[in-house]
Protein backbone atom coordinates (compact mmCIF):
# COMPACT_ATOMS: atom_id res chain seq x y z
CA MET A 1 89.72 -243.87 -37.86
CA LYS A 2 87.96 -246.96 -36.71
CA LEU A 3 88.67 -249.15 -33.68
CA MET A 4 87.03 -251.96 -31.94
CA LEU A 5 85.38 -251.22 -28.78
CA ASN A 6 83.56 -253.49 -26.45
CA GLY A 7 83.45 -256.27 -29.41
CA LYS A 8 81.95 -253.52 -32.00
CA VAL A 9 83.50 -251.44 -35.04
CA ARG A 10 83.37 -247.63 -33.85
CA ASP A 11 84.58 -244.49 -35.56
CA THR A 12 86.60 -241.82 -33.88
CA GLU A 13 88.95 -238.92 -34.68
CA MET A 14 92.62 -239.43 -35.43
CA GLY A 15 94.64 -238.39 -32.20
CA ALA A 16 91.60 -239.01 -29.82
CA THR A 17 92.66 -239.86 -26.21
CA LEU A 18 90.90 -242.55 -23.99
CA THR A 19 89.44 -239.29 -22.19
CA ASP A 20 88.27 -238.30 -25.53
CA LEU A 21 86.50 -241.41 -26.19
CA LEU A 22 84.86 -241.55 -22.77
CA THR A 23 83.49 -237.90 -23.34
CA SER A 24 82.21 -239.12 -26.54
CA LEU A 25 80.36 -241.99 -24.77
CA GLN A 26 79.23 -239.87 -22.12
CA LEU A 27 80.98 -241.90 -19.36
CA PRO A 28 82.89 -240.47 -16.39
CA GLU A 29 86.55 -241.31 -15.91
CA LYS A 30 85.95 -242.56 -12.56
CA GLY A 31 84.30 -245.79 -12.29
CA VAL A 32 85.42 -247.64 -15.37
CA LEU A 33 88.28 -249.87 -16.09
CA ILE A 34 89.64 -249.65 -19.60
CA GLU A 35 91.92 -252.33 -21.44
CA LEU A 36 93.58 -251.26 -24.58
CA ASN A 37 95.10 -254.02 -26.85
CA GLY A 38 94.85 -256.39 -23.94
CA ARG A 39 96.65 -254.23 -21.50
CA ALA A 40 94.96 -252.35 -18.50
CA VAL A 41 95.34 -248.54 -18.72
CA PRO A 42 95.80 -246.57 -15.52
CA ARG A 43 93.41 -243.76 -14.79
CA THR A 44 96.05 -241.43 -14.65
CA ASP A 45 97.21 -242.05 -18.43
CA PHE A 46 93.83 -241.82 -19.99
CA SER A 47 94.24 -238.25 -21.01
CA THR A 48 97.61 -239.02 -22.67
CA THR A 49 96.87 -242.45 -24.33
CA ILE A 50 96.39 -241.71 -27.96
CA LEU A 51 94.12 -244.03 -29.92
CA GLY A 52 95.31 -245.65 -33.02
CA GLU A 53 93.73 -247.25 -36.07
CA ALA A 54 92.55 -250.74 -35.47
CA ASP A 55 93.15 -250.71 -31.57
CA THR A 56 91.05 -252.79 -29.54
CA VAL A 57 89.37 -251.09 -26.46
CA GLU A 58 87.36 -252.82 -23.64
CA ILE A 59 85.40 -250.56 -21.23
CA VAL A 60 84.03 -251.94 -18.06
CA ARG A 61 81.91 -249.87 -15.87
CA MET A 62 82.24 -250.63 -11.95
CA VAL A 63 79.20 -251.34 -10.05
CA GLY A 64 78.55 -251.42 -6.34
CA GLY A 65 75.95 -253.56 -4.91
CA GLY A 66 75.45 -256.34 -2.58
């Protein structure tokens, strides 16, 4: 199925969760913020949030510095 990830179309498997998506992108669950269809998703819900066809996902990595 196709979804929009950070402004680009991406293929992913049906039934994939946000955790599956992060794994495929080689990103850790800690240190990222995810917005799904305009709503922030709590990290505790990543493994139970199933992606659907044409969903819009924005992933932002948190970076420290000063």
